[in-house]
N, C-alpha and C. Protein backbone atom coordinates (compact mmCIF):
# COMPACT_ATOMS: atom_id res chain seq x y z
N MET A 1 0.84 -1.16 0.00
CA MET A 1 0.00 0.00 0.00
C MET A 1 0.89 1.23 0.00
N SER A 2 0.54 2.24 -0.78
CA SER A 2 1.36 3.44 -0.84
C SER A 2 0.99 4.41 0.27
N ASP A 3 1.92 5.31 0.56
CA ASP A 3 1.67 6.33 1.57
C ASP A 3 0.80 7.43 0.98
N PHE A 4 -0.07 7.99 1.80
CA PHE A 4 -0.90 9.11 1.38
C PHE A 4 -0.38 10.36 2.06
N SER A 5 -0.57 11.50 1.39
CA SER A 5 -0.26 12.76 2.04
C SER A 5 -1.33 13.04 3.08
N GLU A 6 -1.06 14.05 3.91
CA GLU A 6 -2.04 14.37 4.94
C GLU A 6 -3.36 14.76 4.31
N GLY A 7 -4.43 14.39 4.92
CA GLY A 7 -5.77 14.69 4.41
C GLY A 7 -6.71 13.58 4.79
N ASP A 8 -7.94 13.78 4.43
CA ASP A 8 -8.95 12.78 4.76
C ASP A 8 -8.85 11.57 3.85
N THR A 9 -8.93 10.42 4.45
CA THR A 9 -9.01 9.17 3.70
C THR A 9 -10.25 8.43 4.18
N LEU A 10 -10.72 7.54 3.37
CA LEU A 10 -11.88 6.73 3.70
C LEU A 10 -11.52 5.28 3.45
N LYS A 11 -11.62 4.47 4.49
CA LYS A 11 -11.28 3.05 4.38
C LYS A 11 -12.55 2.23 4.19
N LEU A 12 -12.60 1.51 3.08
CA LEU A 12 -13.73 0.63 2.78
C LEU A 12 -13.30 -0.82 2.91
N VAL A 13 -14.15 -1.64 3.49
CA VAL A 13 -13.96 -3.09 3.44
C VAL A 13 -15.01 -3.62 2.48
N LEU A 14 -14.55 -4.46 1.55
CA LEU A 14 -15.41 -5.00 0.50
C LEU A 14 -15.61 -6.50 0.70
N PHE A 15 -16.88 -6.91 0.70
CA PHE A 15 -17.24 -8.32 0.83
C PHE A 15 -18.14 -8.73 -0.32
N SER A 16 -18.15 -10.00 -0.60
CA SER A 16 -19.14 -10.60 -1.49
C SER A 16 -19.28 -12.07 -1.14
N ASP A 17 -20.37 -12.63 -1.52
CA ASP A 17 -20.58 -14.08 -1.43
C ASP A 17 -20.27 -14.64 -0.04
N SER A 18 -20.87 -14.01 0.97
CA SER A 18 -20.70 -14.48 2.35
C SER A 18 -21.55 -15.72 2.62
N HIS A 19 -22.63 -15.89 1.91
CA HIS A 19 -23.48 -17.08 1.98
C HIS A 19 -23.75 -17.55 3.41
N GLY A 20 -24.15 -16.60 4.25
CA GLY A 20 -24.54 -16.93 5.62
C GLY A 20 -23.43 -16.86 6.64
N ASN A 21 -22.19 -16.65 6.22
CA ASN A 21 -21.07 -16.60 7.16
C ASN A 21 -20.82 -15.17 7.62
N VAL A 22 -21.70 -14.69 8.48
CA VAL A 22 -21.57 -13.34 9.02
C VAL A 22 -20.39 -13.25 9.97
N ALA A 23 -20.05 -14.35 10.64
CA ALA A 23 -18.95 -14.35 11.61
C ALA A 23 -17.63 -13.93 10.95
N ASN A 24 -17.36 -14.42 9.75
CA ASN A 24 -16.13 -14.02 9.05
C ASN A 24 -16.09 -12.51 8.84
N MET A 25 -17.21 -11.96 8.40
CA MET A 25 -17.25 -10.52 8.15
C MET A 25 -17.12 -9.73 9.44
N THR A 26 -17.75 -10.20 10.49
CA THR A 26 -17.66 -9.54 11.79
C THR A 26 -16.20 -9.48 12.25
N ASP A 27 -15.48 -10.58 12.10
CA ASP A 27 -14.06 -10.61 12.47
C ASP A 27 -13.26 -9.58 11.69
N VAL A 28 -13.53 -9.47 10.39
CA VAL A 28 -12.80 -8.53 9.54
C VAL A 28 -13.10 -7.09 9.95
N VAL A 29 -14.36 -6.77 10.19
CA VAL A 29 -14.72 -5.41 10.58
C VAL A 29 -14.04 -5.04 11.89
N ARG A 30 -14.00 -5.96 12.83
CA ARG A 30 -13.31 -5.69 14.10
C ARG A 30 -11.81 -5.49 13.90
N LEU A 31 -11.23 -6.21 12.96
CA LEU A 31 -9.80 -6.11 12.67
C LEU A 31 -9.45 -4.84 11.89
N GLU A 32 -10.23 -4.53 10.87
CA GLU A 32 -9.89 -3.45 9.93
C GLU A 32 -10.39 -2.06 10.34
N HIS A 33 -11.42 -1.99 11.17
CA HIS A 33 -12.01 -0.70 11.58
C HIS A 33 -12.32 0.19 10.37
N PRO A 34 -13.16 -0.28 9.45
CA PRO A 34 -13.44 0.52 8.25
C PRO A 34 -14.37 1.69 8.54
N ASP A 35 -14.34 2.66 7.64
CA ASP A 35 -15.29 3.77 7.69
C ASP A 35 -16.62 3.38 7.06
N ARG A 36 -16.58 2.40 6.16
CA ARG A 36 -17.78 1.94 5.45
C ARG A 36 -17.54 0.52 4.95
N VAL A 37 -18.61 -0.24 4.82
CA VAL A 37 -18.55 -1.59 4.27
C VAL A 37 -19.39 -1.63 2.99
N LEU A 38 -18.85 -2.26 1.95
CA LEU A 38 -19.61 -2.53 0.73
C LEU A 38 -19.75 -4.05 0.59
N HIS A 39 -20.97 -4.51 0.34
CA HIS A 39 -21.23 -5.94 0.18
C HIS A 39 -21.89 -6.15 -1.17
N MET A 40 -21.27 -6.97 -2.00
CA MET A 40 -21.73 -7.18 -3.37
C MET A 40 -22.68 -8.37 -3.53
N GLY A 41 -23.43 -8.69 -2.50
CA GLY A 41 -24.50 -9.68 -2.62
C GLY A 41 -24.12 -11.11 -2.31
N ASP A 42 -25.16 -11.90 -2.17
CA ASP A 42 -25.08 -13.32 -1.79
C ASP A 42 -24.41 -13.47 -0.41
N LEU A 43 -25.03 -13.10 0.55
CA LEU A 43 -26.45 -12.84 0.70
C LEU A 43 -26.65 -11.42 1.24
N ALA A 44 -27.65 -10.73 0.71
CA ALA A 44 -27.95 -9.38 1.17
C ALA A 44 -28.33 -9.37 2.65
N ARG A 45 -28.99 -10.43 3.11
CA ARG A 45 -29.38 -10.45 4.53
C ARG A 45 -28.15 -10.50 5.44
N ASP A 46 -27.03 -11.02 4.94
CA ASP A 46 -25.78 -10.99 5.72
C ASP A 46 -25.31 -9.55 5.91
N ALA A 47 -25.43 -8.76 4.86
CA ALA A 47 -25.06 -7.34 4.95
C ALA A 47 -25.99 -6.62 5.93
N GLU A 48 -27.26 -6.97 5.91
CA GLU A 48 -28.22 -6.37 6.83
C GLU A 48 -27.88 -6.74 8.28
N GLU A 49 -27.48 -7.98 8.51
CA GLU A 49 -27.07 -8.40 9.85
C GLU A 49 -25.81 -7.67 10.29
N LEU A 50 -24.86 -7.52 9.38
CA LEU A 50 -23.63 -6.79 9.70
C LEU A 50 -23.96 -5.35 10.08
N ALA A 51 -24.88 -4.73 9.37
CA ALA A 51 -25.30 -3.36 9.69
C ALA A 51 -25.92 -3.28 11.08
N ARG A 52 -26.66 -4.30 11.48
CA ARG A 52 -27.24 -4.34 12.83
C ARG A 52 -26.14 -4.47 13.89
N GLN A 53 -25.12 -5.26 13.60
CA GLN A 53 -24.04 -5.47 14.57
C GLN A 53 -23.14 -4.24 14.72
N PHE A 54 -23.01 -3.47 13.64
CA PHE A 54 -22.13 -2.29 13.65
C PHE A 54 -22.93 -1.07 13.19
N PRO A 55 -23.82 -0.57 14.05
CA PRO A 55 -24.71 0.52 13.64
C PRO A 55 -24.00 1.83 13.31
N ASP A 56 -22.77 2.00 13.74
CA ASP A 56 -22.03 3.23 13.47
C ASP A 56 -21.25 3.18 12.16
N ILE A 57 -21.27 2.03 11.49
CA ILE A 57 -20.54 1.88 10.22
C ILE A 57 -21.57 1.71 9.10
N PRO A 58 -21.59 2.64 8.15
CA PRO A 58 -22.53 2.48 7.03
C PRO A 58 -22.22 1.22 6.22
N VAL A 59 -23.25 0.48 5.89
CA VAL A 59 -23.11 -0.73 5.06
C VAL A 59 -23.97 -0.52 3.81
N THR A 60 -23.31 -0.52 2.66
CA THR A 60 -23.99 -0.37 1.38
C THR A 60 -23.94 -1.72 0.67
N TYR A 61 -25.07 -2.15 0.12
CA TYR A 61 -25.09 -3.49 -0.47
C TYR A 61 -26.06 -3.58 -1.64
N VAL A 62 -25.82 -4.60 -2.43
CA VAL A 62 -26.69 -4.93 -3.56
C VAL A 62 -27.02 -6.42 -3.46
N PRO A 63 -28.11 -6.85 -4.08
CA PRO A 63 -28.44 -8.28 -4.03
C PRO A 63 -27.63 -9.07 -5.05
N GLY A 64 -27.48 -10.35 -4.76
CA GLY A 64 -26.83 -11.27 -5.69
C GLY A 64 -27.84 -12.23 -6.28
N ASN A 65 -27.36 -13.15 -7.07
CA ASN A 65 -28.26 -14.11 -7.73
C ASN A 65 -28.93 -15.05 -6.74
N CYS A 66 -28.37 -15.26 -5.56
CA CYS A 66 -28.97 -16.14 -4.55
C CYS A 66 -29.92 -15.40 -3.60
N ASP A 67 -30.06 -14.11 -3.79
CA ASP A 67 -30.91 -13.31 -2.90
C ASP A 67 -32.37 -13.31 -3.29
N GLY A 68 -32.70 -13.90 -4.42
CA GLY A 68 -34.08 -13.85 -4.87
C GLY A 68 -34.44 -12.43 -5.31
N ARG A 69 -35.68 -12.25 -5.64
CA ARG A 69 -36.11 -10.93 -6.10
C ARG A 69 -36.17 -9.98 -4.91
N ARG A 70 -35.44 -8.88 -5.00
CA ARG A 70 -35.43 -7.86 -3.94
C ARG A 70 -35.79 -6.51 -4.55
N PRO A 71 -37.09 -6.24 -4.74
CA PRO A 71 -37.49 -4.97 -5.34
C PRO A 71 -37.08 -3.76 -4.50
N ASP A 72 -36.75 -3.99 -3.23
CA ASP A 72 -36.32 -2.90 -2.36
C ASP A 72 -34.85 -2.52 -2.58
N LEU A 73 -34.12 -3.32 -3.38
CA LEU A 73 -32.69 -3.06 -3.60
C LEU A 73 -32.40 -2.94 -5.10
N PRO A 74 -31.57 -1.97 -5.48
CA PRO A 74 -31.16 -1.89 -6.88
C PRO A 74 -30.13 -2.98 -7.18
N ASP A 75 -30.09 -3.44 -8.43
CA ASP A 75 -29.12 -4.47 -8.83
C ASP A 75 -27.70 -3.94 -8.79
N GLU A 76 -27.55 -2.64 -8.93
CA GLU A 76 -26.22 -2.04 -8.84
C GLU A 76 -26.36 -0.64 -8.25
N ARG A 77 -25.26 -0.15 -7.77
CA ARG A 77 -25.23 1.21 -7.22
C ARG A 77 -24.02 1.92 -7.81
N CYS A 78 -24.21 3.20 -8.08
CA CYS A 78 -23.12 4.03 -8.57
C CYS A 78 -23.14 5.31 -7.74
N PHE A 79 -22.03 5.59 -7.05
CA PHE A 79 -21.98 6.73 -6.15
C PHE A 79 -20.53 7.19 -6.02
N THR A 80 -20.34 8.34 -5.41
CA THR A 80 -19.01 8.92 -5.26
C THR A 80 -18.68 9.08 -3.78
N LEU A 81 -17.50 8.63 -3.39
CA LEU A 81 -16.97 8.82 -2.05
C LEU A 81 -15.56 9.38 -2.17
N GLU A 82 -15.25 10.41 -1.41
CA GLU A 82 -13.92 11.04 -1.44
C GLU A 82 -13.46 11.32 -2.87
N GLY A 83 -14.39 11.72 -3.72
CA GLY A 83 -14.05 12.06 -5.10
C GLY A 83 -13.85 10.87 -6.03
N CYS A 84 -14.02 9.65 -5.52
CA CYS A 84 -13.85 8.44 -6.34
C CYS A 84 -15.23 7.86 -6.65
N LYS A 85 -15.54 7.77 -7.93
CA LYS A 85 -16.82 7.19 -8.34
C LYS A 85 -16.72 5.67 -8.30
N ILE A 86 -17.72 5.05 -7.69
CA ILE A 86 -17.73 3.60 -7.46
C ILE A 86 -18.95 2.99 -8.14
N LEU A 87 -18.72 1.93 -8.89
CA LEU A 87 -19.82 1.12 -9.42
C LEU A 87 -19.76 -0.22 -8.70
N MET A 88 -20.84 -0.55 -7.99
CA MET A 88 -20.88 -1.85 -7.31
C MET A 88 -22.06 -2.65 -7.83
N THR A 89 -21.80 -3.94 -8.06
CA THR A 89 -22.79 -4.87 -8.58
C THR A 89 -22.40 -6.27 -8.12
N HIS A 90 -23.35 -7.18 -8.09
CA HIS A 90 -22.96 -8.56 -7.80
C HIS A 90 -22.19 -9.13 -8.97
N GLY A 91 -22.62 -8.78 -10.17
CA GLY A 91 -21.90 -9.22 -11.36
C GLY A 91 -22.66 -10.20 -12.22
N HIS A 92 -23.65 -10.88 -11.65
CA HIS A 92 -24.38 -11.87 -12.45
C HIS A 92 -25.11 -11.23 -13.62
N THR A 93 -25.56 -9.99 -13.47
CA THR A 93 -26.25 -9.33 -14.58
C THR A 93 -25.29 -8.94 -15.70
N TYR A 94 -24.00 -8.95 -15.40
CA TYR A 94 -22.96 -8.69 -16.42
C TYR A 94 -22.28 -9.98 -16.86
N HIS A 95 -22.75 -11.11 -16.38
CA HIS A 95 -22.20 -12.42 -16.76
C HIS A 95 -20.69 -12.49 -16.50
N VAL A 96 -20.28 -12.05 -15.30
CA VAL A 96 -18.84 -11.99 -15.00
C VAL A 96 -18.18 -13.36 -14.93
N LYS A 97 -18.95 -14.42 -14.81
CA LYS A 97 -18.32 -15.75 -14.85
C LYS A 97 -17.73 -16.04 -16.23
N MET A 98 -18.19 -15.31 -17.24
CA MET A 98 -17.64 -15.43 -18.59
C MET A 98 -16.49 -14.43 -18.78
N GLY A 99 -16.24 -13.62 -17.77
CA GLY A 99 -15.21 -12.58 -17.83
C GLY A 99 -15.80 -11.24 -17.42
N PRO A 100 -14.98 -10.35 -16.88
CA PRO A 100 -15.49 -9.08 -16.35
C PRO A 100 -15.67 -7.98 -17.40
N GLY A 101 -15.48 -8.29 -18.67
CA GLY A 101 -15.48 -7.26 -19.71
C GLY A 101 -16.70 -6.36 -19.72
N ALA A 102 -17.90 -6.92 -19.64
CA ALA A 102 -19.12 -6.11 -19.68
C ALA A 102 -19.21 -5.20 -18.46
N ALA A 103 -18.83 -5.70 -17.30
CA ALA A 103 -18.85 -4.88 -16.08
C ALA A 103 -17.81 -3.77 -16.17
N ILE A 104 -16.65 -4.08 -16.72
CA ILE A 104 -15.60 -3.06 -16.90
C ILE A 104 -16.09 -1.97 -17.85
N ARG A 105 -16.72 -2.35 -18.94
CA ARG A 105 -17.25 -1.35 -19.88
C ARG A 105 -18.29 -0.46 -19.19
N ALA A 106 -19.17 -1.06 -18.40
CA ALA A 106 -20.18 -0.28 -17.68
C ALA A 106 -19.53 0.69 -16.70
N ALA A 107 -18.49 0.24 -16.01
CA ALA A 107 -17.79 1.11 -15.07
C ALA A 107 -17.13 2.27 -15.80
N ARG A 108 -16.49 1.99 -16.91
CA ARG A 108 -15.85 3.05 -17.70
C ARG A 108 -16.89 4.04 -18.24
N GLU A 109 -18.02 3.52 -18.74
CA GLU A 109 -19.08 4.39 -19.24
C GLU A 109 -19.64 5.28 -18.14
N ALA A 110 -19.67 4.78 -16.91
CA ALA A 110 -20.15 5.56 -15.77
C ALA A 110 -19.10 6.53 -15.25
N GLY A 111 -17.87 6.41 -15.74
CA GLY A 111 -16.79 7.27 -15.26
C GLY A 111 -16.25 6.85 -13.91
N ALA A 112 -16.42 5.58 -13.57
CA ALA A 112 -15.99 5.08 -12.26
C ALA A 112 -14.47 4.92 -12.19
N GLY A 113 -13.95 5.07 -10.99
CA GLY A 113 -12.56 4.79 -10.71
C GLY A 113 -12.40 3.47 -9.97
N LEU A 114 -13.53 2.91 -9.50
CA LEU A 114 -13.52 1.66 -8.74
C LEU A 114 -14.74 0.83 -9.13
N LEU A 115 -14.49 -0.36 -9.64
CA LEU A 115 -15.54 -1.33 -9.95
C LEU A 115 -15.46 -2.44 -8.91
N CYS A 116 -16.57 -2.68 -8.21
CA CYS A 116 -16.65 -3.74 -7.20
C CYS A 116 -17.72 -4.74 -7.63
N PHE A 117 -17.34 -6.00 -7.70
CA PHE A 117 -18.30 -7.04 -8.06
C PHE A 117 -17.93 -8.33 -7.35
N GLY A 118 -18.79 -9.33 -7.45
CA GLY A 118 -18.55 -10.63 -6.83
C GLY A 118 -18.95 -11.74 -7.79
N HIS A 119 -19.73 -12.68 -7.30
CA HIS A 119 -20.38 -13.75 -8.06
C HIS A 119 -19.45 -14.92 -8.41
N THR A 120 -18.22 -14.66 -8.78
CA THR A 120 -17.34 -15.74 -9.25
C THR A 120 -16.68 -16.50 -8.12
N HIS A 121 -16.66 -15.93 -6.92
CA HIS A 121 -15.96 -16.48 -5.76
C HIS A 121 -14.45 -16.49 -5.97
N GLU A 122 -13.96 -15.77 -6.95
CA GLU A 122 -12.52 -15.69 -7.25
C GLU A 122 -12.05 -14.26 -7.02
N ALA A 123 -11.15 -14.10 -6.06
CA ALA A 123 -10.65 -12.77 -5.72
C ALA A 123 -9.84 -12.19 -6.88
N LEU A 124 -10.02 -10.89 -7.09
CA LEU A 124 -9.34 -10.18 -8.17
C LEU A 124 -9.13 -8.75 -7.73
N CYS A 125 -7.94 -8.22 -7.95
CA CYS A 125 -7.65 -6.83 -7.63
C CYS A 125 -6.63 -6.34 -8.64
N GLU A 126 -7.08 -5.55 -9.62
CA GLU A 126 -6.21 -5.06 -10.68
C GLU A 126 -6.49 -3.59 -10.94
N PHE A 127 -5.46 -2.88 -11.37
CA PHE A 127 -5.60 -1.49 -11.78
C PHE A 127 -5.30 -1.41 -13.26
N GLN A 128 -6.30 -1.02 -14.04
CA GLN A 128 -6.16 -0.95 -15.50
C GLN A 128 -6.61 0.40 -16.02
N ASN A 129 -5.67 1.17 -16.54
CA ASN A 129 -6.01 2.44 -17.20
C ASN A 129 -6.96 3.31 -16.37
N GLY A 130 -6.59 3.54 -15.12
CA GLY A 130 -7.36 4.43 -14.26
C GLY A 130 -8.54 3.81 -13.55
N LEU A 131 -8.74 2.51 -13.70
CA LEU A 131 -9.88 1.83 -13.07
C LEU A 131 -9.40 0.68 -12.20
N TRP A 132 -9.78 0.71 -10.92
CA TRP A 132 -9.58 -0.43 -10.05
C TRP A 132 -10.70 -1.43 -10.31
N ILE A 133 -10.33 -2.67 -10.55
CA ILE A 133 -11.28 -3.75 -10.80
C ILE A 133 -11.12 -4.73 -9.64
N VAL A 134 -12.14 -4.77 -8.77
CA VAL A 134 -12.00 -5.53 -7.52
C VAL A 134 -13.16 -6.49 -7.33
N ASN A 135 -12.82 -7.75 -7.17
CA ASN A 135 -13.75 -8.78 -6.72
C ASN A 135 -13.15 -9.30 -5.42
N PRO A 136 -13.81 -9.06 -4.28
CA PRO A 136 -13.23 -9.48 -3.01
C PRO A 136 -13.23 -10.98 -2.79
N GLY A 137 -13.73 -11.75 -3.74
CA GLY A 137 -13.79 -13.20 -3.57
C GLY A 137 -14.98 -13.57 -2.71
N ALA A 138 -14.88 -14.67 -2.01
CA ALA A 138 -16.00 -15.18 -1.22
C ALA A 138 -15.68 -15.13 0.27
N ALA A 139 -16.36 -14.23 0.98
CA ALA A 139 -16.17 -14.13 2.43
C ALA A 139 -16.67 -15.37 3.14
N GLY A 140 -17.57 -16.11 2.50
CA GLY A 140 -18.13 -17.30 3.12
C GLY A 140 -17.47 -18.60 2.71
N SER A 141 -16.38 -18.52 1.97
CA SER A 141 -15.69 -19.74 1.52
C SER A 141 -15.25 -20.58 2.71
N LEU A 142 -15.42 -21.88 2.59
CA LEU A 142 -14.95 -22.79 3.63
C LEU A 142 -13.47 -23.11 3.47
N VAL A 143 -12.94 -22.88 2.29
CA VAL A 143 -11.53 -23.21 2.00
C VAL A 143 -10.63 -22.02 2.31
N GLN A 144 -10.81 -20.90 1.60
CA GLN A 144 -9.97 -19.72 1.81
C GLN A 144 -10.81 -18.46 1.63
N PRO A 145 -11.51 -18.04 2.68
CA PRO A 145 -12.33 -16.83 2.57
C PRO A 145 -11.45 -15.59 2.38
N THR A 146 -11.95 -14.66 1.57
CA THR A 146 -11.19 -13.45 1.27
C THR A 146 -12.09 -12.22 1.34
N TYR A 147 -11.45 -11.07 1.39
CA TYR A 147 -12.13 -9.77 1.33
C TYR A 147 -11.15 -8.79 0.70
N ALA A 148 -11.61 -7.58 0.45
CA ALA A 148 -10.74 -6.55 -0.11
C ALA A 148 -10.87 -5.29 0.73
N VAL A 149 -9.84 -4.46 0.63
CA VAL A 149 -9.83 -3.15 1.27
C VAL A 149 -9.56 -2.12 0.18
N ALA A 150 -10.29 -1.02 0.22
CA ALA A 150 -10.03 0.11 -0.66
C ALA A 150 -9.87 1.34 0.22
N VAL A 151 -8.77 2.05 0.05
CA VAL A 151 -8.55 3.30 0.76
C VAL A 151 -8.68 4.42 -0.26
N LEU A 152 -9.63 5.31 -0.01
CA LEU A 152 -9.93 6.39 -0.94
C LEU A 152 -9.42 7.71 -0.40
N GLU A 153 -8.87 8.53 -1.31
CA GLU A 153 -8.43 9.87 -0.92
C GLU A 153 -8.39 10.76 -2.16
N GLU A 154 -9.07 11.89 -2.07
CA GLU A 154 -9.00 12.93 -3.09
C GLU A 154 -9.14 12.39 -4.51
N GLY A 155 -10.14 11.57 -4.76
CA GLY A 155 -10.40 11.07 -6.09
C GLY A 155 -9.63 9.84 -6.49
N GLY A 156 -8.69 9.41 -5.67
CA GLY A 156 -7.90 8.22 -5.98
C GLY A 156 -8.19 7.09 -5.02
N ALA A 157 -7.63 5.94 -5.32
CA ALA A 157 -7.85 4.76 -4.49
C ALA A 157 -6.62 3.87 -4.51
N VAL A 158 -6.45 3.14 -3.44
CA VAL A 158 -5.48 2.04 -3.37
C VAL A 158 -6.27 0.85 -2.85
N CYS A 159 -6.18 -0.27 -3.54
CA CYS A 159 -6.96 -1.46 -3.17
C CYS A 159 -6.05 -2.66 -2.99
N TYR A 160 -6.44 -3.56 -2.10
CA TYR A 160 -5.70 -4.80 -1.92
C TYR A 160 -6.63 -5.88 -1.39
N LEU A 161 -6.21 -7.12 -1.57
CA LEU A 161 -6.95 -8.30 -1.11
C LEU A 161 -6.34 -8.82 0.17
N SER A 162 -7.15 -9.52 0.97
CA SER A 162 -6.64 -10.14 2.18
C SER A 162 -7.44 -11.41 2.47
N HIS A 163 -6.83 -12.30 3.23
CA HIS A 163 -7.49 -13.55 3.64
C HIS A 163 -8.09 -13.38 5.02
N ILE A 164 -9.19 -14.06 5.24
CA ILE A 164 -9.84 -14.03 6.55
C ILE A 164 -9.26 -15.14 7.40
């Protein structure tokens, strides 16, 4: 991780595909002390439980393919934090198991600097031509659960993966 100059930073913890394993996410939040949590679905109710456990930490989430129809939740969210535009989606609507190309195009069209998705259960963290492409993997994996961290400052980001 690179050093930042003095100023405000925002630390995000990124989860996806927890599939009922809220305990793993709880451990990470206690360890990382994030300013905000993003959950890319499967299961949205896990994100809701995490929000109940940590009421002082905003939790933003989208549904995944295993969440069933959730008319109360958008399939994706696009918003700006610390000057960095973020596109978050579970990824199934972009068919990311066939490759992240469609999701990357959508992020670029939206002017995003950070694309967050899940669905594949395969962790990915790459920086390509001004865009961070991050899949935190599966927080609920029984073999090797993973998550990602994004530190935002003044329109930029530094992202990395970690094991639970």
